Amino acid sequence: MGTLKFEVPHNLPKDEVKKRVEQLLQYWGSKYGVKSDWQGEEGAKLAGKVMGINLDASFTITDKTVTGEGTDPGMLLRSQAKTYLQKKFSSVLDPSKSLDQVKGNLD
């Protein structure tokens, strides 16, 4: 299988981005059993199975973006997977939402 890449822009401080992304990782952990492991302060690796598809991914937080790559789920699901990732990361990185709002709106 190939690699699926994504990039989501943000205009938040990196420490705030990490707090928000941690909420997303906790959500994925509780909903899908995805394991996450922070690699320093600016990125993490993810592993698990989501809806029957093996997931092996990583992402990095930069000053302006969250970039990542993961297992390509194949031609039939590629577009849906990329849209889902973009939507989830964009939602948690929305500067108009507080951290508490992010926590409450992950579903």
PDB file of N, CA and C in Angstrom:
ATOM      1  N   MET A   1       0.832  -1.191   0.000  1.00  0.00           N
ATOM      2  CA  MET A   1       0.000   0.000   0.000  1.00  0.00           C
ATOM      3  C   MET A   1       0.871   1.247   0.000  1.00  0.00           C
ATOM      4  N   GLY A   2       0.305   2.319  -0.539  1.00  0.00           N
ATOM      5  CA  GLY A   2       1.020   3.581  -0.616  1.00  0.00           C
ATOM      6  C   GLY A   2       0.816   4.429   0.622  1.00  0.00           C
ATOM      7  N   THR A   3       1.132   5.698   0.449  1.00  0.00           N
ATOM      8  CA  THR A   3       1.046   6.639   1.553  1.00  0.00           C
ATOM      9  C   THR A   3       0.057   7.744   1.222  1.00  0.00           C
ATOM     10  N   LEU A   4      -0.757   8.092   2.184  1.00  0.00           N
ATOM     11  CA  LEU A   4      -1.696   9.195   2.081  1.00  0.00           C
ATOM     12  C   LEU A   4      -1.106  10.368   2.858  1.00  0.00           C
ATOM     13  N   LYS A   5      -0.985  11.526   2.214  1.00  0.00           N
ATOM     14  CA  LYS A   5      -0.410  12.699   2.876  1.00  0.00           C
ATOM     15  C   LYS A   5      -1.481  13.762   3.052  1.00  0.00           C
ATOM     16  N   PHE A   6      -1.339  14.542   4.129  1.00  0.00           N
ATOM     17  CA  PHE A   6      -2.269  15.643   4.352  1.00  0.00           C
ATOM     18  C   PHE A   6      -1.546  16.807   5.013  1.00  0.00           C
ATOM     19  N   GLU A   7      -2.140  17.984   4.876  1.00  0.00           N
ATOM     20  CA  GLU A   7      -1.592  19.192   5.484  1.00  0.00           C
ATOM     21  C   GLU A   7      -2.755  20.103   5.851  1.00  0.00           C
ATOM     22  N   VAL A   8      -2.773  20.543   7.106  1.00  0.00           N
ATOM     23  CA  VAL A   8      -3.839  21.418   7.583  1.00  0.00           C
ATOM     24  C   VAL A   8      -3.190  22.682   8.148  1.00  0.00           C
ATOM     25  N   PRO A   9      -3.517  23.849   7.580  1.00  0.00           N
ATOM     26  CA  PRO A   9      -2.940  25.096   8.105  1.00  0.00           C
ATOM     27  C   PRO A   9      -3.575  25.490   9.434  1.00  0.00           C
ATOM     28  N   HIS A  10      -2.839  26.267  10.214  1.00  0.00           N
ATOM     29  CA  HIS A  10      -3.370  26.811  11.471  1.00  0.00           C
ATOM     30  C   HIS A  10      -2.684  28.126  11.765  1.00  0.00           C
ATOM     31  N   ASN A  11      -3.268  28.900  12.657  1.00  0.00           N
ATOM     32  CA  ASN A  11      -2.623  30.140  13.103  1.00  0.00           C
ATOM     33  C   ASN A  11      -2.673  30.253  14.623  1.00  0.00           C
ATOM     34  N   LEU A  12      -2.422  29.131  15.272  1.00  0.00           N
ATOM     35  CA  LEU A  12      -2.395  29.052  16.730  1.00  0.00           C
ATOM     36  C   LEU A  12      -0.962  28.816  17.202  1.00  0.00           C
ATOM     37  N   PRO A  13      -0.666  29.146  18.459  1.00  0.00           N
ATOM     38  CA  PRO A  13       0.650  28.800  19.011  1.00  0.00           C
ATOM     39  C   PRO A  13       0.814  27.273  19.056  1.00  0.00           C
ATOM     40  N   LYS A  14       2.039  26.812  18.877  1.00  0.00           N
ATOM     41  CA  LYS A  14       2.292  25.365  18.818  1.00  0.00           C
ATOM     42  C   LYS A  14       1.825  24.636  20.070  1.00  0.00           C
ATOM     43  N   ASP A  15       1.988  25.232  21.246  1.00  0.00           N
ATOM     44  CA  ASP A  15       1.559  24.544  22.465  1.00  0.00           C
ATOM     45  C   ASP A  15       0.039  24.378  22.495  1.00  0.00           C
ATOM     46  N   GLU A  16      -0.687  25.352  21.959  1.00  0.00           N
ATOM     47  CA  GLU A  16      -2.149  25.247  21.873  1.00  0.00           C
ATOM     48  C   GLU A  16      -2.544  24.182  20.846  1.00  0.00           C
ATOM     49  N   VAL A  17      -1.822  24.127  19.742  1.00  0.00           N
ATOM     50  CA  VAL A  17      -2.086  23.097  18.725  1.00  0.00           C
ATOM     51  C   VAL A  17      -1.913  21.716  19.341  1.00  0.00           C
ATOM     52  N   LYS A  18      -0.844  21.538  20.111  1.00  0.00           N
ATOM     53  CA  LYS A  18      -0.600  20.228  20.722  1.00  0.00           C
ATOM     54  C   LYS A  18      -1.728  19.847  21.672  1.00  0.00           C
ATOM     55  N   LYS A  19      -2.190  20.777  22.493  1.00  0.00           N
ATOM     56  CA  LYS A  19      -3.290  20.487  23.424  1.00  0.00           C
ATOM     57  C   LYS A  19      -4.541  20.050  22.668  1.00  0.00           C
ATOM     58  N   ARG A  20      -4.822  20.732  21.570  1.00  0.00           N
ATOM     59  CA  ARG A  20      -6.013  20.427  20.789  1.00  0.00           C
ATOM     60  C   ARG A  20      -5.878  19.083  20.076  1.00  0.00           C
ATOM     61  N   VAL A  21      -4.699  18.844  19.522  1.00  0.00           N
ATOM     62  CA  VAL A  21      -4.470  17.572  18.832  1.00  0.00           C
ATOM     63  C   VAL A  21      -4.506  16.419  19.831  1.00  0.00           C
ATOM     64  N   GLU A  22      -4.027  16.648  21.054  1.00  0.00           N
ATOM     65  CA  GLU A  22      -4.099  15.604  22.084  1.00  0.00           C
ATOM     66  C   GLU A  22      -5.552  15.190  22.328  1.00  0.00           C
ATOM     67  N   GLN A  23      -6.474  16.134  22.281  1.00  0.00           N
ATOM     68  CA  GLN A  23      -7.891  15.808  22.441  1.00  0.00           C
ATOM     69  C   GLN A  23      -8.371  14.906  21.309  1.00  0.00           C
ATOM     70  N   LEU A  24      -7.926  15.212  20.100  1.00  0.00           N
ATOM     71  CA  LEU A  24      -8.291  14.391  18.949  1.00  0.00           C
ATOM     72  C   LEU A  24      -7.713  12.979  19.081  1.00  0.00           C
ATOM     73  N   LEU A  25      -6.484  12.870  19.533  1.00  0.00           N
ATOM     74  CA  LEU A  25      -5.857  11.554  19.704  1.00  0.00           C
ATOM     75  C   LEU A  25      -6.572  10.748  20.785  1.00  0.00           C
ATOM     76  N   GLN A  26      -6.985  11.413  21.866  1.00  0.00           N
ATOM     77  CA  GLN A  26      -7.737  10.715  22.918  1.00  0.00           C
ATOM     78  C   GLN A  26      -9.078  10.221  22.376  1.00  0.00           C
ATOM     79  N   TYR A  27      -9.711  11.037  21.567  1.00  0.00           N
ATOM     80  CA  TYR A  27     -10.984  10.652  20.945  1.00  0.00           C
ATOM     81  C   TYR A  27     -10.793   9.418  20.066  1.00  0.00           C
ATOM     82  N   TRP A  28      -9.780   9.442  19.199  1.00  0.00           N
ATOM     83  CA  TRP A  28      -9.518   8.293  18.327  1.00  0.00           C
ATOM     84  C   TRP A  28      -9.154   7.059  19.142  1.00  0.00           C
ATOM     85  N   GLY A  29      -8.446   7.268  20.265  1.00  0.00           N
ATOM     86  CA  GLY A  29      -8.087   6.146  21.130  1.00  0.00           C
ATOM     87  C   GLY A  29      -9.307   5.493  21.750  1.00  0.00           C
ATOM     88  N   SER A  30     -10.221   6.327  22.255  1.00  0.00           N
ATOM     89  CA  SER A  30     -11.407   5.756  22.905  1.00  0.00           C
ATOM     90  C   SER A  30     -12.415   5.223  21.898  1.00  0.00           C
ATOM     91  N   LYS A  31     -12.550   5.860  20.747  1.00  0.00           N
ATOM     92  CA  LYS A  31     -13.549   5.428  19.768  1.00  0.00           C
ATOM     93  C   LYS A  31     -13.076   4.237  18.930  1.00  0.00           C
ATOM     94  N   TYR A  32     -11.800   4.256  18.520  1.00  0.00           N
ATOM     95  CA  TYR A  32     -11.292   3.230  17.601  1.00  0.00           C
ATOM     96  C   TYR A  32     -10.169   2.366  18.177  1.00  0.00           C
ATOM     97  N   GLY A  33      -9.668   2.710  19.364  1.00  0.00           N
ATOM     98  CA  GLY A  33      -8.566   1.950  19.927  1.00  0.00           C
ATOM     99  C   GLY A  33      -7.217   2.281  19.303  1.00  0.00           C
ATOM    100  N   VAL A  34      -7.123   3.430  18.645  1.00  0.00           N
ATOM    101  CA  VAL A  34      -5.866   3.849  18.018  1.00  0.00           C
ATOM    102  C   VAL A  34      -4.878   4.260  19.107  1.00  0.00           C
ATOM    103  N   LYS A  35      -3.683   3.723  19.029  1.00  0.00           N
ATOM    104  CA  LYS A  35      -2.621   4.057  19.986  1.00  0.00           C
ATOM    105  C   LYS A  35      -1.804   5.210  19.424  1.00  0.00           C
ATOM    106  N   SER A  36      -1.447   6.151  20.292  1.00  0.00           N
ATOM    107  CA  SER A  36      -0.617   7.273  19.864  1.00  0.00           C
ATOM    108  C   SER A  36       0.596   7.392  20.772  1.00  0.00           C
ATOM    109  N   ASP A  37       1.681   7.851  20.184  1.00  0.00           N
ATOM    110  CA  ASP A  37       2.935   7.990  20.914  1.00  0.00           C
ATOM    111  C   ASP A  37       3.607   9.281  20.453  1.00  0.00           C
ATOM    112  N   TRP A  38       3.666  10.266  21.363  1.00  0.00           N
ATOM    113  CA  TRP A  38       4.307  11.534  21.009  1.00  0.00           C
ATOM    114  C   TRP A  38       5.793  11.321  20.798  1.00  0.00           C
ATOM    115  N   GLN A  39       6.311  11.920  19.758  1.00  0.00           N
ATOM    116  CA  GLN A  39       7.731  11.887  19.423  1.00  0.00           C
ATOM    117  C   GLN A  39       8.279  13.293  19.684  1.00  0.00           C
ATOM    118  N   GLY A  40       8.622  13.590  20.927  1.00  0.00           N
ATOM    119  CA  GLY A  40       9.020  14.941  21.281  1.00  0.00           C
ATOM    120  C   GLY A  40       7.785  15.814  21.447  1.00  0.00           C
ATOM    121  N   GLU A  41       7.960  17.106  21.263  1.00  0.00           N
ATOM    122  CA  GLU A  41       6.854  18.053  21.464  1.00  0.00           C
ATOM    123  C   GLU A  41       6.068  18.344  20.195  1.00  0.00           C
ATOM    124  N   GLU A  42       6.576  17.920  19.050  1.00  0.00           N
ATOM    125  CA  GLU A  42       5.994  18.415  17.808  1.00  0.00           C
ATOM    126  C   GLU A  42       5.439  17.351  16.877  1.00  0.00           C
ATOM    127  N   GLY A  43       5.263  16.143  17.345  1.00  0.00           N
ATOM    128  CA  GLY A  43       4.704  15.140  16.455  1.00  0.00           C
ATOM    129  C   GLY A  43       4.389  13.852  17.179  1.00  0.00           C
ATOM    130  N   ALA A  44       3.655  12.999  16.487  1.00  0.00           N
ATOM    131  CA  ALA A  44       3.260  11.727  17.088  1.00  0.00           C
ATOM    132  C   ALA A  44       3.135  10.661  16.014  1.00  0.00           C
ATOM    133  N   LYS A  45       3.206   9.435  16.477  1.00  0.00           N
ATOM    134  CA  LYS A  45       2.958   8.278  15.623  1.00  0.00           C
ATOM    135  C   LYS A  45       1.663   7.641  16.102  1.00  0.00           C
ATOM    136  N   LEU A  46       0.898   7.116  15.156  1.00  0.00           N
ATOM    137  CA  LEU A  46      -0.381   6.479  15.458  1.00  0.00           C
ATOM    138  C   LEU A  46      -0.385   5.078  14.875  1.00  0.00           C
ATOM    139  N   ALA A  47      -1.034   4.166  15.559  1.00  0.00           N
ATOM    140  CA  ALA A  47      -1.163   2.804  15.040  1.00  0.00           C
ATOM    141  C   ALA A  47      -2.469   2.202  15.552  1.00  0.00           C
ATOM    142  N   GLY A  48      -3.106   1.434  14.695  1.00  0.00           N
ATOM    143  CA  GLY A  48      -4.335   0.770  15.084  1.00  0.00           C
ATOM    144  C   GLY A  48      -5.117   0.325  13.873  1.00  0.00           C
ATOM    145  N   LYS A  49      -6.373   0.051  14.107  1.00  0.00           N
ATOM    146  CA  LYS A  49      -7.274  -0.381  13.054  1.00  0.00           C
ATOM    147  C   LYS A  49      -8.531   0.468  13.150  1.00  0.00           C
ATOM    148  N   VAL A  50      -8.879   1.134  12.064  1.00  0.00           N
ATOM    149  CA  VAL A  50     -10.051   1.995  12.030  1.00  0.00           C
ATOM    150  C   VAL A  50     -11.003   1.457  10.977  1.00  0.00           C
ATOM    151  N   MET A  51     -12.201   1.081  11.423  1.00  0.00           N
ATOM    152  CA  MET A  51     -13.221   0.547  10.521  1.00  0.00           C
ATOM    153  C   MET A  51     -12.662  -0.573   9.631  1.00  0.00           C
ATOM    154  N   GLY A  52     -11.858  -1.440  10.234  1.00  0.00           N
ATOM    155  CA  GLY A  52     -11.323  -2.590   9.518  1.00  0.00           C
ATOM    156  C   GLY A  52     -10.091  -2.319   8.687  1.00  0.00           C
ATOM    157  N   ILE A  53      -9.592  -1.093   8.711  1.00  0.00           N
ATOM    158  CA  ILE A  53      -8.419  -0.731   7.909  1.00  0.00           C
ATOM    159  C   ILE A  53      -7.245  -0.472   8.841  1.00  0.00           C
ATOM    160  N   ASN A  54      -6.114  -1.121   8.561  1.00  0.00           N
ATOM    161  CA  ASN A  54      -4.914  -0.894   9.358  1.00  0.00           C
ATOM    162  C   ASN A  54      -4.437   0.542   9.191  1.00  0.00           C
ATOM    163  N   LEU A  55      -4.076   1.160  10.296  1.00  0.00           N
ATOM    164  CA  LEU A  55      -3.597   2.532  10.295  1.00  0.00           C
ATOM    165  C   LEU A  55      -2.198   2.570  10.879  1.00  0.00           C
ATOM    166  N   ASP A  56      -1.292   3.138  10.133  1.00  0.00           N
ATOM    167  CA  ASP A  56       0.066   3.406  10.581  1.00  0.00           C
ATOM    168  C   ASP A  56       0.370   4.806  10.068  1.00  0.00           C
ATOM    169  N   ALA A  57       0.433   5.778  10.972  1.00  0.00           N
ATOM    170  CA  ALA A  57       0.540   7.169  10.537  1.00  0.00           C
ATOM    171  C   ALA A  57       1.449   7.965  11.468  1.00  0.00           C
ATOM    172  N   SER A  58       1.838   9.139  10.988  1.00  0.00           N
ATOM    173  CA  SER A  58       2.579  10.081  11.812  1.00  0.00           C
ATOM    174  C   SER A  58       2.223  11.489  11.359  1.00  0.00           C
ATOM    175  N   PHE A  59       2.432  12.444  12.245  1.00  0.00           N
ATOM    176  CA  PHE A  59       2.221  13.837  11.874  1.00  0.00           C
ATOM    177  C   PHE A  59       3.192  14.714  12.648  1.00  0.00           C
ATOM    178  N   THR A  60       3.373  15.925  12.135  1.00  0.00           N
ATOM    179  CA  THR A  60       4.276  16.892  12.736  1.00  0.00           C
ATOM    180  C   THR A  60       3.566  18.235  12.824  1.00  0.00           C
ATOM    181  N   ILE A  61       3.743  18.911  13.949  1.00  0.00           N
ATOM    182  CA  ILE A  61       3.198  20.253  14.148  1.00  0.00           C
ATOM    183  C   ILE A  61       4.301  21.252  13.834  1.00  0.00           C
ATOM    184  N   THR A  62       4.033  22.155  12.900  1.00  0.00           N
ATOM    185  CA  THR A  62       4.962  23.247  12.609  1.00  0.00           C
ATOM    186  C   THR A  62       4.302  24.556  13.028  1.00  0.00           C
ATOM    187  N   ASP A  63       4.991  25.671  12.810  1.00  0.00           N
ATOM    188  CA  ASP A  63       4.439  26.969  13.199  1.00  0.00           C
ATOM    189  C   ASP A  63       3.158  27.316  12.452  1.00  0.00           C
ATOM    190  N   LYS A  64       2.971  26.782  11.257  1.00  0.00           N
ATOM    191  CA  LYS A  64       1.820  27.169  10.434  1.00  0.00           C
ATOM    192  C   LYS A  64       0.941  26.012   9.972  1.00  0.00           C
ATOM    193  N   THR A  65       1.396  24.758  10.129  1.00  0.00           N
ATOM    194  CA  THR A  65       0.631  23.620   9.625  1.00  0.00           C
ATOM    195  C   THR A  65       0.767  22.407  10.538  1.00  0.00           C
ATOM    196  N   VAL A  66      -0.139  21.479  10.348  1.00  0.00           N
ATOM    197  CA  VAL A  66       0.014  20.117  10.848  1.00  0.00           C
ATOM    198  C   VAL A  66       0.111  19.274   9.583  1.00  0.00           C
ATOM    199  N   THR A  67       1.240  18.601   9.406  1.00  0.00           N
ATOM    200  CA  THR A  67       1.433  17.768   8.225  1.00  0.00           C
ATOM    201  C   THR A  67       1.553  16.326   8.670  1.00  0.00           C
ATOM    202  N   GLY A  68       1.059  15.440   7.847  1.00  0.00           N
ATOM    203  CA  GLY A  68       1.133  14.040   8.215  1.00  0.00           C
ATOM    204  C   GLY A  68       1.038  13.117   7.034  1.00  0.00           C
ATOM    205  N   GLU A  69       1.304  11.873   7.321  1.00  0.00           N
ATOM    206  CA  GLU A  69       1.156  10.831   6.315  1.00  0.00           C
ATOM    207  C   GLU A  69       0.813   9.540   7.014  1.00  0.00           C
ATOM    208  N   GLY A  70       0.102   8.708   6.283  1.00  0.00           N
ATOM    209  CA  GLY A  70      -0.312   7.443   6.851  1.00  0.00           C
ATOM    210  C   GLY A  70      -0.591   6.431   5.766  1.00  0.00           C
ATOM    211  N   THR A  71      -0.984   5.265   6.197  1.00  0.00           N
ATOM    212  CA  THR A  71      -1.313   4.181   5.299  1.00  0.00           C
ATOM    213  C   THR A  71      -2.440   4.607   4.361  1.00  0.00           C
ATOM    214  N   ASP A  72      -2.233   4.449   3.069  1.00  0.00           N
ATOM    215  CA  ASP A  72      -3.272   4.741   2.090  1.00  0.00           C
ATOM    216  C   ASP A  72      -4.293   3.604   2.137  1.00  0.00           C
ATOM    217  N   PRO A  73      -5.567   3.918   2.397  1.00  0.00           N
ATOM    218  CA  PRO A  73      -6.572   2.856   2.520  1.00  0.00           C
ATOM    219  C   PRO A  73      -6.998   2.264   1.173  1.00  0.00           C
ATOM    220  N   GLY A  74      -6.423   2.743   0.099  1.00  0.00           N
ATOM    221  CA  GLY A  74      -6.780   2.237  -1.225  1.00  0.00           C
ATOM    222  C   GLY A  74      -7.654   3.212  -1.976  1.00  0.00           C
ATOM    223  N   MET A  75      -7.761   2.965  -3.258  1.00  0.00           N
ATOM    224  CA  MET A  75      -8.440   3.884  -4.153  1.00  0.00           C
ATOM    225  C   MET A  75      -9.887   4.174  -3.741  1.00  0.00           C
ATOM    226  N   LEU A  76     -10.600   3.176  -3.267  1.00  0.00           N
ATOM    227  CA  LEU A  76     -12.018   3.365  -2.952  1.00  0.00           C
ATOM    228  C   LEU A  76     -12.255   4.258  -1.734  1.00  0.00           C
ATOM    229  N   LEU A  77     -11.328   4.242  -0.778  1.00  0.00           N
ATOM    230  CA  LEU A  77     -11.522   5.007   0.457  1.00  0.00           C
ATOM    231  C   LEU A  77     -10.585   6.203   0.610  1.00  0.00           C
ATOM    232  N   ARG A  78      -9.672   6.380  -0.330  1.00  0.00           N
ATOM    233  CA  ARG A  78      -8.649   7.429  -0.215  1.00  0.00           C
ATOM    234  C   ARG A  78      -9.264   8.817  -0.019  1.00  0.00           C
ATOM    235  N   SER A  79     -10.202   9.177  -0.857  1.00  0.00           N
ATOM    236  CA  SER A  79     -10.809  10.501  -0.792  1.00  0.00           C
ATOM    237  C   SER A  79     -11.545  10.706   0.533  1.00  0.00           C
ATOM    238  N   GLN A  80     -12.294   9.697   0.962  1.00  0.00           N
ATOM    239  CA  GLN A  80     -13.019   9.791   2.232  1.00  0.00           C
ATOM    240  C   GLN A  80     -12.061   9.941   3.409  1.00  0.00           C
ATOM    241  N   ALA A  81     -10.970   9.168   3.391  1.00  0.00           N
ATOM    242  CA  ALA A  81     -10.000   9.236   4.487  1.00  0.00           C
ATOM    243  C   ALA A  81      -9.359  10.616   4.556  1.00  0.00           C
ATOM    244  N   LYS A  82      -8.967  11.157   3.410  1.00  0.00           N
ATOM    245  CA  LYS A  82      -8.318  12.465   3.396  1.00  0.00           C
ATOM    246  C   LYS A  82      -9.299  13.552   3.849  1.00  0.00           C
ATOM    247  N   THR A  83     -10.538  13.482   3.383  1.00  0.00           N
ATOM    248  CA  THR A  83     -11.559  14.443   3.788  1.00  0.00           C
ATOM    249  C   THR A  83     -11.804  14.372   5.290  1.00  0.00           C
ATOM    250  N   TYR A  84     -11.869  13.157   5.837  1.00  0.00           N
ATOM    251  CA  TYR A  84     -12.092  12.966   7.270  1.00  0.00           C
ATOM    252  C   TYR A  84     -10.951  13.598   8.078  1.00  0.00           C
ATOM    253  N   LEU A  85      -9.713  13.315   7.684  1.00  0.00           N
ATOM    254  CA  LEU A  85      -8.556  13.872   8.398  1.00  0.00           C
ATOM    255  C   LEU A  85      -8.556  15.394   8.341  1.00  0.00           C
ATOM    256  N   GLN A  86      -8.771  15.940   7.154  1.00  0.00           N
ATOM    257  CA  GLN A  86      -8.788  17.398   6.989  1.00  0.00           C
ATOM    258  C   GLN A  86      -9.872  18.012   7.878  1.00  0.00           C
ATOM    259  N   LYS A  87     -11.054  17.387   7.885  1.00  0.00           N
ATOM    260  CA  LYS A  87     -12.180  17.906   8.653  1.00  0.00           C
ATOM    261  C   LYS A  87     -11.890  17.865  10.155  1.00  0.00           C
ATOM    262  N   LYS A  88     -11.382  16.732  10.642  1.00  0.00           N
ATOM    263  CA  LYS A  88     -11.116  16.597  12.082  1.00  0.00           C
ATOM    264  C   LYS A  88     -10.024  17.558  12.548  1.00  0.00           C
ATOM    265  N   PHE A  89      -8.903  17.608  11.804  1.00  0.00           N
ATOM    266  CA  PHE A  89      -7.825  18.512  12.207  1.00  0.00           C
ATOM    267  C   PHE A  89      -8.265  19.971  12.086  1.00  0.00           C
ATOM    268  N   SER A  90      -8.983  20.328  11.020  1.00  0.00           N
ATOM    269  CA  SER A  90      -9.455  21.707  10.860  1.00  0.00           C
ATOM    270  C   SER A  90     -10.388  22.092  11.996  1.00  0.00           C
ATOM    271  N   SER A  91     -11.238  21.179  12.414  1.00  0.00           N
ATOM    272  CA  SER A  91     -12.177  21.447  13.495  1.00  0.00           C
ATOM    273  C   SER A  91     -11.449  21.712  14.808  1.00  0.00           C
ATOM    274  N   VAL A  92     -10.479  20.873  15.163  1.00  0.00           N
ATOM    275  CA  VAL A  92      -9.783  21.071  16.437  1.00  0.00           C
ATOM    276  C   VAL A  92      -8.853  22.283  16.397  1.00  0.00           C
ATOM    277  N   LEU A  93      -8.434  22.699  15.201  1.00  0.00           N
ATOM    278  CA  LEU A  93      -7.522  23.835  15.078  1.00  0.00           C
ATOM    279  C   LEU A  93      -8.243  25.151  14.786  1.00  0.00           C
ATOM    280  N   ASP A  94      -9.566  25.140  14.860  1.00  0.00           N
ATOM    281  CA  ASP A  94     -10.362  26.344  14.607  1.00  0.00           C
ATOM    282  C   ASP A  94     -10.134  27.346  15.737  1.00  0.00           C
ATOM    283  N   PRO A  95      -9.518  28.503  15.444  1.00  0.00           N
ATOM    284  CA  PRO A  95      -9.211  29.460  16.514  1.00  0.00           C
ATOM    285  C   PRO A  95     -10.440  30.096  17.142  1.00  0.00           C
ATOM    286  N   SER A  96     -11.608  29.981  16.501  1.00  0.00           N
ATOM    287  CA  SER A  96     -12.817  30.557  17.078  1.00  0.00           C
ATOM    288  C   SER A  96     -13.414  29.668  18.165  1.00  0.00           C
ATOM    289  N   LYS A  97     -12.879  28.447  18.317  1.00  0.00           N
ATOM    290  CA  LYS A  97     -13.359  27.527  19.350  1.00  0.00           C
ATOM    291  C   LYS A  97     -12.366  27.472  20.502  1.00  0.00           C
ATOM    292  N   SER A  98     -12.906  27.400  21.707  1.00  0.00           N
ATOM    293  CA  SER A  98     -12.061  27.222  22.883  1.00  0.00           C
ATOM    294  C   SER A  98     -11.669  25.738  22.976  1.00  0.00           C
ATOM    295  N   LEU A  99     -10.695  25.443  23.818  1.00  0.00           N
ATOM    296  CA  LEU A  99     -10.286  24.052  24.027  1.00  0.00           C
ATOM    297  C   LEU A  99     -11.459  23.220  24.548  1.00  0.00           C
ATOM    298  N   ASP A 100     -12.266  23.784  25.417  1.00  0.00           N
ATOM    299  CA  ASP A 100     -13.442  23.074  25.936  1.00  0.00           C
ATOM    300  C   ASP A 100     -14.449  22.786  24.822  1.00  0.00           C
ATOM    301  N   GLN A 101     -14.629  23.725  23.910  1.00  0.00           N
ATOM    302  CA  GLN A 101     -15.520  23.501  22.773  1.00  0.00           C
ATOM    303  C   GLN A 101     -14.975  22.400  21.872  1.00  0.00           C
ATOM    304  N   VAL A 102     -13.674  22.387  21.685  1.00  0.00           N
ATOM    305  CA  VAL A 102     -13.034  21.338  20.870  1.00  0.00           C
ATOM    306  C   VAL A 102     -13.316  19.970  21.502  1.00  0.00           C
ATOM    307  N   LYS A 103     -13.138  19.876  22.816  1.00  0.00           N
ATOM    308  CA  LYS A 103     -13.367  18.609  23.532  1.00  0.00           C
ATOM    309  C   LYS A 103     -14.794  18.109  23.349  1.00  0.00           C
ATOM    310  N   GLY A 104     -15.741  19.041  23.355  1.00  0.00           N
ATOM    311  CA  GLY A 104     -17.142  18.667  23.280  1.00  0.00           C
ATOM    312  C   GLY A 104     -17.674  18.408  21.891  1.00  0.00           C
ATOM    313  N   ASN A 105     -16.914  18.744  20.857  1.00  0.00           N
ATOM    314  CA  ASN A 105     -17.419  18.657  19.483  1.00  0.00           C
ATOM    315  C   ASN A 105     -16.652  17.675  18.610  1.00  0.00           C
ATOM    316  N   LEU A 106     -16.100  16.625  19.172  1.00  0.00           N
ATOM    317  CA  LEU A 106     -15.298  15.698  18.368  1.00  0.00           C
ATOM    318  C   LEU A 106     -16.116  14.683  17.596  1.00  0.00           C
ATOM    319  N   ASP A 107     -17.305  14.359  18.037  1.00  0.00           N
ATOM    320  CA  ASP A 107     -18.104  13.364  17.314  1.00  0.00           C
ATOM    321  C   ASP A 107     -18.597  13.847  15.994  1.00  0.00           C
TER     322      ASP A 107
END
